[in-house]
């Protein structure tokens, strides 16, 4: 097992080095070109997925709890002294930390996609219970629901945007794409924080959280159809996976050939796997050669 793990790490390292060499020779491409030019459709799919993950993590209402948690609890009728805000905020925030620790223990065994969908399902339940607590004017139900919501959010929806955005972009575009998705995170963060009190005043607290519930449920359907499972795949395999028109299993991706890169599918449009039993002489081919990649360019 240790030998297999060592081979896997070595292969991953070689893939990263190869991507780095490609990145050094790649021409400058602006974000506008990545969004508009047809040849960058694979990169565009990754950008939509990465930006959507960050946007939904904020539209789930996390920062309404983080910023206004104590005020929300007080609005349920639970009162306390001067230190109440601190004492109620600490256990609430601790629940998210517990969720993140659990995610750390399970993300590679359960899988990225499964972890995200499970987290979003639980977050939806938590948001619905918060709204129900306000509707029933039950302070204790609301506090319990907030704790459950924060744990559920930490279980996947808080961590998966970081994980996926570090994996789904090729090296030559990774800086631009990650910066863009991070900008989306802060813009949506600002929007949700700015509108929460207004929505609570116009719709009421219960309807505001029901609105967040609806957003998360609808987003779960999107990620169910659009987010591939990337656990156990190398960076090049993830790029090949995103180049497919529909979701594929890990075994199916590996059957296409581990050396198929995002750049190949992006620049040449169609890539077919050929017999992987290349002799040692093929290893002396240039980095950009189809024989070196084990691919036929169509």
C-alpha atoms as a PDB file:
ATOM      1  CA  UNK A   1       0.000   0.000   0.000  1.00  0.00           C
ATOM      2  CA  UNK A   2       2.826   2.390   0.830  1.00  0.00           C
ATOM      3  CA  UNK A   3       4.468   1.623  -2.519  1.00  0.00           C
ATOM      4  CA  UNK A   4       1.210   2.317  -4.370  1.00  0.00           C
ATOM      5  CA  UNK A   5       0.782   5.564  -2.449  1.00  0.00           C
ATOM      6  CA  UNK A   6       4.329   6.576  -3.327  1.00  0.00           C
ATOM      7  CA  UNK A   7       3.714   5.880  -7.023  1.00  0.00           C
ATOM      8  CA  UNK A   8       0.509   7.931  -6.886  1.00  0.00           C
ATOM      9  CA  UNK A   9       2.288  10.893  -5.313  1.00  0.00           C
ATOM     10  CA  UNK A  10       5.104  10.639  -7.850  1.00  0.00           C
ATOM     11  CA  UNK A  11       2.624  10.586 -10.740  1.00  0.00           C
ATOM     12  CA  UNK A  12       0.768  13.583  -9.314  1.00  0.00           C
ATOM     13  CA  UNK A  13       4.054  15.465  -8.963  1.00  0.00           C
ATOM     14  CA  UNK A  14       4.944  14.706 -12.582  1.00  0.00           C
ATOM     15  CA  UNK A  15       1.534  15.974 -13.706  1.00  0.00           C
ATOM     16  CA  UNK A  16       2.046  19.232 -11.789  1.00  0.00           C
ATOM     17  CA  UNK A  17       5.515  19.702 -13.309  1.00  0.00           C
ATOM     18  CA  UNK A  18       4.087  19.075 -16.764  1.00  0.00           C
ATOM     19  CA  UNK A  19       1.310  21.623 -16.216  1.00  0.00           C
ATOM     20  CA  UNK A  20       3.873  24.120 -14.957  1.00  0.00           C
ATOM     21  CA  UNK A  21       5.926  23.722 -18.141  1.00  0.00           C
ATOM     22  CA  UNK A  22       2.810  24.278 -20.256  1.00  0.00           C
ATOM     23  CA  UNK A  23       1.892  27.341 -18.189  1.00  0.00           C
ATOM     24  CA  UNK A  24       5.307  28.930 -18.753  1.00  0.00           C
ATOM     25  CA  UNK A  25       4.905  28.832 -22.522  1.00  0.00           C
ATOM     26  CA  UNK A  26       1.233  29.787 -22.616  1.00  0.00           C
ATOM     27  CA  UNK A  27       0.213  33.141 -24.050  1.00  0.00           C
ATOM     28  CA  UNK A  28      -1.535  35.701 -21.858  1.00  0.00           C
ATOM     29  CA  UNK A  29      -5.311  35.302 -21.907  1.00  0.00           C
ATOM     30  CA  UNK A  30      -7.660  37.785 -20.244  1.00  0.00           C
ATOM     31  CA  UNK A  31     -10.724  36.848 -18.215  1.00  0.00           C
ATOM     32  CA  UNK A  32     -12.895  38.365 -20.917  1.00  0.00           C
ATOM     33  CA  UNK A  33     -11.418  35.969 -23.463  1.00  0.00           C
ATOM     34  CA  UNK A  34     -11.922  33.028 -21.105  1.00  0.00           C
ATOM     35  CA  UNK A  35     -15.613  33.915 -20.812  1.00  0.00           C
ATOM     36  CA  UNK A  36     -16.289  34.716 -24.479  1.00  0.00           C
ATOM     37  CA  UNK A  37     -14.071  32.616 -26.752  1.00  0.00           C
ATOM     38  CA  UNK A  38     -15.351  29.238 -27.848  1.00  0.00           C
ATOM     39  CA  UNK A  39     -12.008  27.469 -27.445  1.00  0.00           C
ATOM     40  CA  UNK A  40     -12.094  28.166 -23.695  1.00  0.00           C
ATOM     41  CA  UNK A  41     -15.447  26.427 -23.118  1.00  0.00           C
ATOM     42  CA  UNK A  42     -13.891  23.866 -20.763  1.00  0.00           C
ATOM     43  CA  UNK A  43     -12.289  26.590 -18.643  1.00  0.00           C
ATOM     44  CA  UNK A  44     -15.602  28.427 -18.663  1.00  0.00           C
ATOM     45  CA  UNK A  45     -17.404  25.411 -17.237  1.00  0.00           C
ATOM     46  CA  UNK A  46     -14.893  25.303 -14.401  1.00  0.00           C
ATOM     47  CA  UNK A  47     -15.299  29.036 -13.749  1.00  0.00           C
ATOM     48  CA  UNK A  48     -19.087  28.763 -13.607  1.00  0.00           C
ATOM     49  CA  UNK A  49     -18.805  25.886 -11.145  1.00  0.00           C
ATOM     50  CA  UNK A  50     -16.191  27.634  -8.975  1.00  0.00           C
ATOM     51  CA  UNK A  51     -18.032  30.958  -8.864  1.00  0.00           C
ATOM     52  CA  UNK A  52     -21.356  29.220  -8.189  1.00  0.00           C
ATOM     53  CA  UNK A  53     -19.915  27.374  -5.200  1.00  0.00           C
ATOM     54  CA  UNK A  54     -18.778  30.630  -3.611  1.00  0.00           C
ATOM     55  CA  UNK A  55     -22.011  32.447  -4.455  1.00  0.00           C
ATOM     56  CA  UNK A  56     -24.256  29.757  -2.981  1.00  0.00           C
ATOM     57  CA  UNK A  57     -22.127  29.449   0.144  1.00  0.00           C
ATOM     58  CA  UNK A  58     -23.058  33.079   0.847  1.00  0.00           C
ATOM     59  CA  UNK A  59     -26.634  33.019  -0.443  1.00  0.00           C
ATOM     60  CA  UNK A  60     -27.255  30.251   2.099  1.00  0.00           C
ATOM     61  CA  UNK A  61     -27.262  33.075   4.645  1.00  0.00           C
ATOM     62  CA  UNK A  62     -24.189  32.082   6.631  1.00  0.00           C
ATOM     63  CA  UNK A  63     -23.112  35.621   7.393  1.00  0.00           C
ATOM     64  CA  UNK A  64     -26.543  36.610   8.634  1.00  0.00           C
ATOM     65  CA  UNK A  65     -25.866  34.137  11.451  1.00  0.00           C
ATOM     66  CA  UNK A  66     -22.207  35.117  11.814  1.00  0.00           C
ATOM     67  CA  UNK A  67     -22.851  38.869  11.902  1.00  0.00           C
ATOM     68  CA  UNK A  68     -26.301  39.029  13.490  1.00  0.00           C
ATOM     69  CA  UNK A  69     -26.413  35.781  15.477  1.00  0.00           C
ATOM     70  CA  UNK A  70     -26.826  37.396  18.894  1.00  0.00           C
ATOM     71  CA  UNK A  71     -29.433  39.850  17.578  1.00  0.00           C
ATOM     72  CA  UNK A  72     -31.354  36.992  15.959  1.00  0.00           C
ATOM     73  CA  UNK A  73     -31.387  35.076  19.240  1.00  0.00           C
ATOM     74  CA  UNK A  74     -32.592  38.169  21.136  1.00  0.00           C
ATOM     75  CA  UNK A  75     -35.362  38.653  18.573  1.00  0.00           C
ATOM     76  CA  UNK A  76     -36.737  35.217  19.514  1.00  0.00           C
ATOM     77  CA  UNK A  77     -37.409  36.469  23.038  1.00  0.00           C
ATOM     78  CA  UNK A  78     -34.331  35.049  24.786  1.00  0.00           C
ATOM     79  CA  UNK A  79     -32.700  37.797  26.851  1.00  0.00           C
ATOM     80  CA  UNK A  80     -29.509  38.120  28.863  1.00  0.00           C
ATOM     81  CA  UNK A  81     -27.093  40.536  30.467  1.00  0.00           C
ATOM     82  CA  UNK A  82     -24.282  42.560  28.963  1.00  0.00           C
ATOM     83  CA  UNK A  83     -22.145  39.512  28.238  1.00  0.00           C
ATOM     84  CA  UNK A  84     -25.047  37.621  26.624  1.00  0.00           C
ATOM     85  CA  UNK A  85     -23.946  38.390  23.073  1.00  0.00           C
ATOM     86  CA  UNK A  86     -20.503  36.882  23.681  1.00  0.00           C
ATOM     87  CA  UNK A  87     -21.769  33.802  25.513  1.00  0.00           C
ATOM     88  CA  UNK A  88     -24.341  32.985  22.832  1.00  0.00           C
ATOM     89  CA  UNK A  89     -22.002  33.695  19.902  1.00  0.00           C
ATOM     90  CA  UNK A  90     -19.169  31.412  21.069  1.00  0.00           C
ATOM     91  CA  UNK A  91     -21.186  28.140  21.117  1.00  0.00           C
ATOM     92  CA  UNK A  92     -22.892  29.050  17.849  1.00  0.00           C
ATOM     93  CA  UNK A  93     -19.605  29.594  16.026  1.00  0.00           C
ATOM     94  CA  UNK A  94     -18.116  26.488  17.647  1.00  0.00           C
ATOM     95  CA  UNK A  95     -20.710  24.352  15.880  1.00  0.00           C
ATOM     96  CA  UNK A  96     -19.315  25.364  12.504  1.00  0.00           C
ATOM     97  CA  UNK A  97     -15.814  24.440  13.683  1.00  0.00           C
ATOM     98  CA  UNK A  98     -17.071  20.982  14.684  1.00  0.00           C
ATOM     99  CA  UNK A  99     -18.610  20.575  11.240  1.00  0.00           C
ATOM    100  CA  UNK A 100     -15.346  21.549   9.530  1.00  0.00           C
ATOM    101  CA  UNK A 101     -13.417  19.008  11.625  1.00  0.00           C
ATOM    102  CA  UNK A 102     -15.891  16.304  10.608  1.00  0.00           C
ATOM    103  CA  UNK A 103     -15.499  17.332   6.964  1.00  0.00           C
ATOM    104  CA  UNK A 104     -11.724  17.032   7.292  1.00  0.00           C
ATOM    105  CA  UNK A 105     -12.184  13.448   8.480  1.00  0.00           C
ATOM    106  CA  UNK A 106     -14.642  12.387   5.765  1.00  0.00           C
ATOM    107  CA  UNK A 107     -14.056  14.433   2.591  1.00  0.00           C
ATOM    108  CA  UNK A 108     -11.701  11.919   0.958  1.00  0.00           C
ATOM    109  CA  UNK A 109     -13.757   8.875   1.905  1.00  0.00           C
ATOM    110  CA  UNK A 110     -17.250  10.205   1.242  1.00  0.00           C
ATOM    111  CA  UNK A 111     -16.244  12.261  -1.801  1.00  0.00           C
ATOM    112  CA  UNK A 112     -16.417  15.937  -2.705  1.00  0.00           C
ATOM    113  CA  UNK A 113     -19.718  15.785  -4.548  1.00  0.00           C
ATOM    114  CA  UNK A 114     -21.463  13.597  -1.984  1.00  0.00           C
ATOM    115  CA  UNK A 115     -20.171  15.727   0.899  1.00  0.00           C
ATOM    116  CA  UNK A 116     -21.396  18.947  -0.710  1.00  0.00           C
ATOM    117  CA  UNK A 117     -24.857  17.583  -1.513  1.00  0.00           C
ATOM    118  CA  UNK A 118     -25.221  16.096   1.973  1.00  0.00           C
ATOM    119  CA  UNK A 119     -24.186  19.402   3.535  1.00  0.00           C
ATOM    120  CA  UNK A 120     -26.596  21.396   1.372  1.00  0.00           C
ATOM    121  CA  UNK A 121     -29.459  19.066   2.258  1.00  0.00           C
ATOM    122  CA  UNK A 122     -28.775  19.482   5.966  1.00  0.00           C
ATOM    123  CA  UNK A 123     -28.327  23.250   5.571  1.00  0.00           C
ATOM    124  CA  UNK A 124     -31.754  23.405   3.902  1.00  0.00           C
ATOM    125  CA  UNK A 125     -33.300  21.611   6.875  1.00  0.00           C
ATOM    126  CA  UNK A 126     -31.510  23.939   9.297  1.00  0.00           C
ATOM    127  CA  UNK A 127     -32.701  27.076   7.492  1.00  0.00           C
ATOM    128  CA  UNK A 128     -36.258  25.758   7.363  1.00  0.00           C
ATOM    129  CA  UNK A 129     -36.199  25.027  11.108  1.00  0.00           C
ATOM    130  CA  UNK A 130     -34.873  28.520  11.851  1.00  0.00           C
ATOM    131  CA  UNK A 131     -37.773  29.997   9.886  1.00  0.00           C
ATOM    132  CA  UNK A 132     -40.203  27.647  11.635  1.00  0.00           C
ATOM    133  CA  UNK A 133     -38.797  28.672  15.011  1.00  0.00           C
ATOM    134  CA  UNK A 134     -39.529  32.317  14.220  1.00  0.00           C
ATOM    135  CA  UNK A 135     -42.985  31.449  12.919  1.00  0.00           C
ATOM    136  CA  UNK A 136     -43.818  29.522  16.098  1.00  0.00           C
ATOM    137  CA  UNK A 137     -42.041  32.126  18.252  1.00  0.00           C
ATOM    138  CA  UNK A 138     -39.986  29.363  19.809  1.00  0.00           C
ATOM    139  CA  UNK A 139     -36.629  30.725  20.921  1.00  0.00           C
ATOM    140  CA  UNK A 140     -35.192  27.332  21.839  1.00  0.00           C
ATOM    141  CA  UNK A 141     -36.150  25.758  18.493  1.00  0.00           C
ATOM    142  CA  UNK A 142     -34.523  28.686  16.716  1.00  0.00           C
ATOM    143  CA  UNK A 143     -31.282  28.376  18.695  1.00  0.00           C
ATOM    144  CA  UNK A 144     -31.166  24.609  18.156  1.00  0.00           C
ATOM    145  CA  UNK A 145     -31.805  25.112  14.438  1.00  0.00           C
ATOM    146  CA  UNK A 146     -29.018  27.699  14.241  1.00  0.00           C
ATOM    147  CA  UNK A 147     -26.587  25.251  15.851  1.00  0.00           C
ATOM    148  CA  UNK A 148     -27.660  22.492  13.452  1.00  0.00           C
ATOM    149  CA  UNK A 149     -27.379  24.875  10.499  1.00  0.00           C
ATOM    150  CA  UNK A 150     -23.849  25.981  11.412  1.00  0.00           C
ATOM    151  CA  UNK A 151     -22.698  22.383  11.914  1.00  0.00           C
ATOM    152  CA  UNK A 152     -24.209  21.421   8.548  1.00  0.00           C
ATOM    153  CA  UNK A 153     -22.614  24.391   6.820  1.00  0.00           C
ATOM    154  CA  UNK A 154     -19.191  23.505   8.212  1.00  0.00           C
ATOM    155  CA  UNK A 155     -19.660  19.917   7.063  1.00  0.00           C
ATOM    156  CA  UNK A 156     -19.286  20.830   3.395  1.00  0.00           C
ATOM    157  CA  UNK A 157     -20.669  24.101   2.126  1.00  0.00           C
ATOM    158  CA  UNK A 158     -18.018  26.148   3.927  1.00  0.00           C
ATOM    159  CA  UNK A 159     -15.056  23.993   2.843  1.00  0.00           C
ATOM    160  CA  UNK A 160     -15.943  22.720  -0.625  1.00  0.00           C
ATOM    161  CA  UNK A 161     -15.558  26.084  -2.424  1.00  0.00           C
ATOM    162  CA  UNK A 162     -11.931  26.224  -1.229  1.00  0.00           C
ATOM    163  CA  UNK A 163     -11.266  22.609  -2.198  1.00  0.00           C
ATOM    164  CA  UNK A 164     -12.899  22.644  -5.612  1.00  0.00           C
ATOM    165  CA  UNK A 165     -11.485  26.012  -6.677  1.00  0.00           C
ATOM    166  CA  UNK A 166      -7.983  24.725  -5.969  1.00  0.00           C
ATOM    167  CA  UNK A 167      -8.531  21.645  -8.161  1.00  0.00           C
ATOM    168  CA  UNK A 168     -10.658  22.485 -11.196  1.00  0.00           C
ATOM    169  CA  UNK A 169      -8.473  25.019 -13.020  1.00  0.00           C
ATOM    170  CA  UNK A 170      -5.359  24.321 -15.117  1.00  0.00           C
ATOM    171  CA  UNK A 171      -2.215  25.955 -13.786  1.00  0.00           C
ATOM    172  CA  UNK A 172      -1.901  28.541 -16.565  1.00  0.00           C
ATOM    173  CA  UNK A 173      -5.303  30.045 -15.649  1.00  0.00           C
ATOM    174  CA  UNK A 174      -5.527  29.176 -11.960  1.00  0.00           C
ATOM    175  CA  UNK A 175      -4.491  32.597 -10.628  1.00  0.00           C
ATOM    176  CA  UNK A 176      -7.113  34.479 -12.655  1.00  0.00           C
ATOM    177  CA  UNK A 177      -9.876  31.984 -12.015  1.00  0.00           C
ATOM    178  CA  UNK A 178      -9.309  31.730  -8.255  1.00  0.00           C
ATOM    179  CA  UNK A 179      -9.086  35.525  -7.957  1.00  0.00           C
ATOM    180  CA  UNK A 180     -12.346  35.847  -9.862  1.00  0.00           C
ATOM    181  CA  UNK A 181     -14.197  33.320  -7.720  1.00  0.00           C
ATOM    182  CA  UNK A 182     -12.877  34.991  -4.565  1.00  0.00           C
ATOM    183  CA  UNK A 183     -14.211  38.319  -5.832  1.00  0.00           C
ATOM    184  CA  UNK A 184     -17.613  36.682  -6.342  1.00  0.00           C
ATOM    185  CA  UNK A 185     -17.457  35.457  -2.737  1.00  0.00           C
ATOM    186  CA  UNK A 186     -16.931  38.950  -1.324  1.00  0.00           C
ATOM    187  CA  UNK A 187     -19.472  40.642  -3.606  1.00  0.00           C
ATOM    188  CA  UNK A 188     -22.215  38.165  -2.652  1.00  0.00           C
ATOM    189  CA  UNK A 189     -21.109  38.339   0.999  1.00  0.00           C
ATOM    190  CA  UNK A 190     -21.584  42.113   0.889  1.00  0.00           C
ATOM    191  CA  UNK A 191     -24.958  41.794  -0.860  1.00  0.00           C
ATOM    192  CA  UNK A 192     -26.374  39.267   1.633  1.00  0.00           C
ATOM    193  CA  UNK A 193     -25.095  41.229   4.652  1.00  0.00           C
ATOM    194  CA  UNK A 194     -26.511  44.461   3.233  1.00  0.00           C
ATOM    195  CA  UNK A 195     -29.971  43.073   2.478  1.00  0.00           C
ATOM    196  CA  UNK A 196     -30.649  40.827   5.491  1.00  0.00           C
ATOM    197  CA  UNK A 197     -32.064  43.464   7.847  1.00  0.00           C
ATOM    198  CA  UNK A 198     -34.155  44.959   5.046  1.00  0.00           C
ATOM    199  CA  UNK A 199     -35.554  41.561   4.090  1.00  0.00           C
ATOM    200  CA  UNK A 200     -36.250  40.744   7.747  1.00  0.00           C
ATOM    201  CA  UNK A 201     -38.167  44.005   8.115  1.00  0.00           C
ATOM    202  CA  UNK A 202     -40.183  43.587   4.907  1.00  0.00           C
ATOM    203  CA  UNK A 203     -40.740  39.826   4.832  1.00  0.00           C
ATOM    204  CA  UNK A 204     -40.272  38.966   8.499  1.00  0.00           C
ATOM    205  CA  UNK A 205     -37.519  36.764   9.901  1.00  0.00           C
ATOM    206  CA  UNK A 206     -39.335  33.521   9.126  1.00  0.00           C
ATOM    207  CA  UNK A 207     -39.944  34.316   5.453  1.00  0.00           C
ATOM    208  CA  UNK A 208     -36.362  35.537   5.051  1.00  0.00           C
ATOM    209  CA  UNK A 209     -35.000  32.192   6.186  1.00  0.00           C
ATOM    210  CA  UNK A 210     -37.570  30.354   4.067  1.00  0.00           C
ATOM    211  CA  UNK A 211     -36.218  32.356   1.116  1.00  0.00           C
ATOM    212  CA  UNK A 212     -32.677  31.205   1.906  1.00  0.00           C
ATOM    213  CA  UNK A 213     -34.025  27.642   2.145  1.00  0.00           C
ATOM    214  CA  UNK A 214     -35.502  27.896  -1.344  1.00  0.00           C
ATOM    215  CA  UNK A 215     -32.206  29.196  -2.758  1.00  0.00           C
ATOM    216  CA  UNK A 216     -30.224  26.311  -1.251  1.00  0.00           C
ATOM    217  CA  UNK A 217     -32.703  23.659  -2.430  1.00  0.00           C
ATOM    218  CA  UNK A 218     -32.683  25.032  -5.987  1.00  0.00           C
ATOM    219  CA  UNK A 219     -28.874  25.214  -5.936  1.00  0.00           C
ATOM    220  CA  UNK A 220     -28.674  21.594  -4.755  1.00  0.00           C
ATOM    221  CA  UNK A 221     -30.463  20.528  -7.938  1.00  0.00           C
ATOM    222  CA  UNK A 222     -27.949  22.485 -10.018  1.00  0.00           C
ATOM    223  CA  UNK A 223     -24.921  20.946  -8.307  1.00  0.00           C
ATOM    224  CA  UNK A 224     -26.499  17.489  -8.478  1.00  0.00           C
ATOM    225  CA  UNK A 225     -26.525  17.755 -12.275  1.00  0.00           C
ATOM    226  CA  UNK A 226     -23.391  19.829 -12.886  1.00  0.00           C
ATOM    227  CA  UNK A 227     -20.792  18.973 -10.239  1.00  0.00           C
ATOM    228  CA  UNK A 228     -18.626  15.939 -11.038  1.00  0.00           C
ATOM    229  CA  UNK A 229     -16.998  13.692  -8.441  1.00  0.00           C
ATOM    230  CA  UNK A 230     -13.283  14.524  -8.350  1.00  0.00           C
ATOM    231  CA  UNK A 231     -12.157  12.521  -5.326  1.00  0.00           C
ATOM    232  CA  UNK A 232      -9.201  10.274  -6.092  1.00  0.00           C
ATOM    233  CA  UNK A 233      -8.422  11.939  -9.412  1.00  0.00           C
ATOM    234  CA  UNK A 234      -5.187  13.680 -10.342  1.00  0.00           C
ATOM    235  CA  UNK A 235      -5.269  17.284 -11.560  1.00  0.00           C
ATOM    236  CA  UNK A 236      -5.058  16.152 -15.187  1.00  0.00           C
ATOM    237  CA  UNK A 237      -7.844  13.618 -14.684  1.00  0.00           C
ATOM    238  CA  UNK A 238     -10.070  16.330 -13.192  1.00  0.00           C
ATOM    239  CA  UNK A 239      -9.426  18.497 -16.234  1.00  0.00           C
ATOM    240  CA  UNK A 240     -10.343  15.635 -18.554  1.00  0.00           C
ATOM    241  CA  UNK A 241     -13.475  14.979 -16.501  1.00  0.00           C
ATOM    242  CA  UNK A 242     -14.653  18.576 -16.864  1.00  0.00           C
ATOM    243  CA  UNK A 243     -14.057  18.352 -20.615  1.00  0.00           C
ATOM    244  CA  UNK A 244     -16.777  15.708 -20.938  1.00  0.00           C
ATOM    245  CA  UNK A 245     -20.304  16.654 -21.879  1.00  0.00           C
ATOM    246  CA  UNK A 246     -21.785  14.696 -18.957  1.00  0.00           C
ATOM    247  CA  UNK A 247     -20.732  13.371 -15.571  1.00  0.00           C
ATOM    248  CA  UNK A 248     -18.529  10.288 -15.585  1.00  0.00           C
ATOM    249  CA  UNK A 249     -17.255   7.897 -12.987  1.00  0.00           C
ATOM    250  CA  UNK A 250     -13.656   7.847 -11.778  1.00  0.00           C
ATOM    251  CA  UNK A 251     -13.065   4.547 -13.606  1.00  0.00           C
ATOM    252  CA  UNK A 252     -14.449   5.973 -16.854  1.00  0.00           C
ATOM    253  CA  UNK A 253     -12.172   8.989 -16.670  1.00  0.00           C
ATOM    254  CA  UNK A 254      -9.133   6.844 -16.006  1.00  0.00           C
ATOM    255  CA  UNK A 255     -10.019   4.676 -18.994  1.00  0.00           C
ATOM    256  CA  UNK A 256      -9.588   7.764 -21.188  1.00  0.00           C
ATOM    257  CA  UNK A 257      -5.951   8.007 -20.237  1.00  0.00           C
ATOM    258  CA  UNK A 258      -4.342   9.712 -17.250  1.00  0.00           C
ATOM    259  CA  UNK A 259      -2.167  11.969 -19.410  1.00  0.00           C
ATOM    260  CA  UNK A 260      -5.028  13.719 -21.196  1.00  0.00           C
ATOM    261  CA  UNK A 261      -4.808  17.375 -20.224  1.00  0.00           C
ATOM    262  CA  UNK A 262      -7.289  20.230 -20.232  1.00  0.00           C
ATOM    263  CA  UNK A 263      -5.035  22.058 -22.693  1.00  0.00           C
ATOM    264  CA  UNK A 264      -5.284  19.180 -25.159  1.00  0.00           C
ATOM    265  CA  UNK A 265      -9.080  19.141 -25.110  1.00  0.00           C
ATOM    266  CA  UNK A 266      -9.287  22.939 -25.174  1.00  0.00           C
ATOM    267  CA  UNK A 267      -6.848  23.594 -28.016  1.00  0.00           C
ATOM    268  CA  UNK A 268      -7.614  20.656 -30.267  1.00  0.00           C
ATOM    269  CA  UNK A 269     -11.265  20.030 -29.536  1.00  0.00           C
ATOM    270  CA  UNK A 270     -11.338  16.234 -29.707  1.00  0.00           C
ATOM    271  CA  UNK A 271      -9.008  13.845 -27.913  1.00  0.00           C
ATOM    272  CA  UNK A 272      -9.040  10.074 -28.201  1.00  0.00           C
ATOM    273  CA  UNK A 273      -7.208   7.610 -26.056  1.00  0.00           C
ATOM    274  CA  UNK A 274      -4.874   5.139 -27.740  1.00  0.00           C
ATOM    275  CA  UNK A 275      -2.914   2.141 -26.583  1.00  0.00           C
ATOM    276  CA  UNK A 276      -1.026   3.246 -23.466  1.00  0.00           C
ATOM    277  CA  UNK A 277       1.720   0.664 -23.906  1.00  0.00           C
ATOM    278  CA  UNK A 278       4.256   3.092 -25.380  1.00  0.00           C
ATOM    279  CA  UNK A 279       7.839   1.939 -25.457  1.00  0.00           C
ATOM    280  CA  UNK A 280      10.650   3.750 -23.676  1.00  0.00           C
ATOM    281  CA  UNK A 281      11.641   5.589 -26.832  1.00  0.00           C
ATOM    282  CA  UNK A 282       8.406   7.562 -26.768  1.00  0.00           C
ATOM    283  CA  UNK A 283       9.460   9.125 -23.465  1.00  0.00           C
ATOM    284  CA  UNK A 284      12.130  11.062 -25.350  1.00  0.00           C
ATOM    285  CA  UNK A 285       9.527  12.902 -27.397  1.00  0.00           C
ATOM    286  CA  UNK A 286       8.934  16.599 -26.745  1.00  0.00           C
ATOM    287  CA  UNK A 287       6.511  17.729 -24.051  1.00  0.00           C
ATOM    288  CA  UNK A 288       4.005  18.995 -26.635  1.00  0.00           C
ATOM    289  CA  UNK A 289       4.140  15.872 -28.819  1.00  0.00           C
ATOM    290  CA  UNK A 290       0.933  13.799 -29.105  1.00  0.00           C
ATOM    291  CA  UNK A 291       3.054  10.650 -28.673  1.00  0.00           C
ATOM    292  CA  UNK A 292       4.423  12.012 -25.386  1.00  0.00           C
ATOM    293  CA  UNK A 293       0.861  12.547 -24.164  1.00  0.00           C
ATOM    294  CA  UNK A 294      -0.333   9.101 -25.315  1.00  0.00           C
ATOM    295  CA  UNK A 295      -3.036  10.824 -27.377  1.00  0.00           C
ATOM    296  CA  UNK A 296      -4.234  11.155 -30.949  1.00  0.00           C
ATOM    297  CA  UNK A 297      -5.299  14.673 -31.851  1.00  0.00           C
ATOM    298  CA  UNK A 298      -8.284  14.741 -34.144  1.00  0.00           C
END
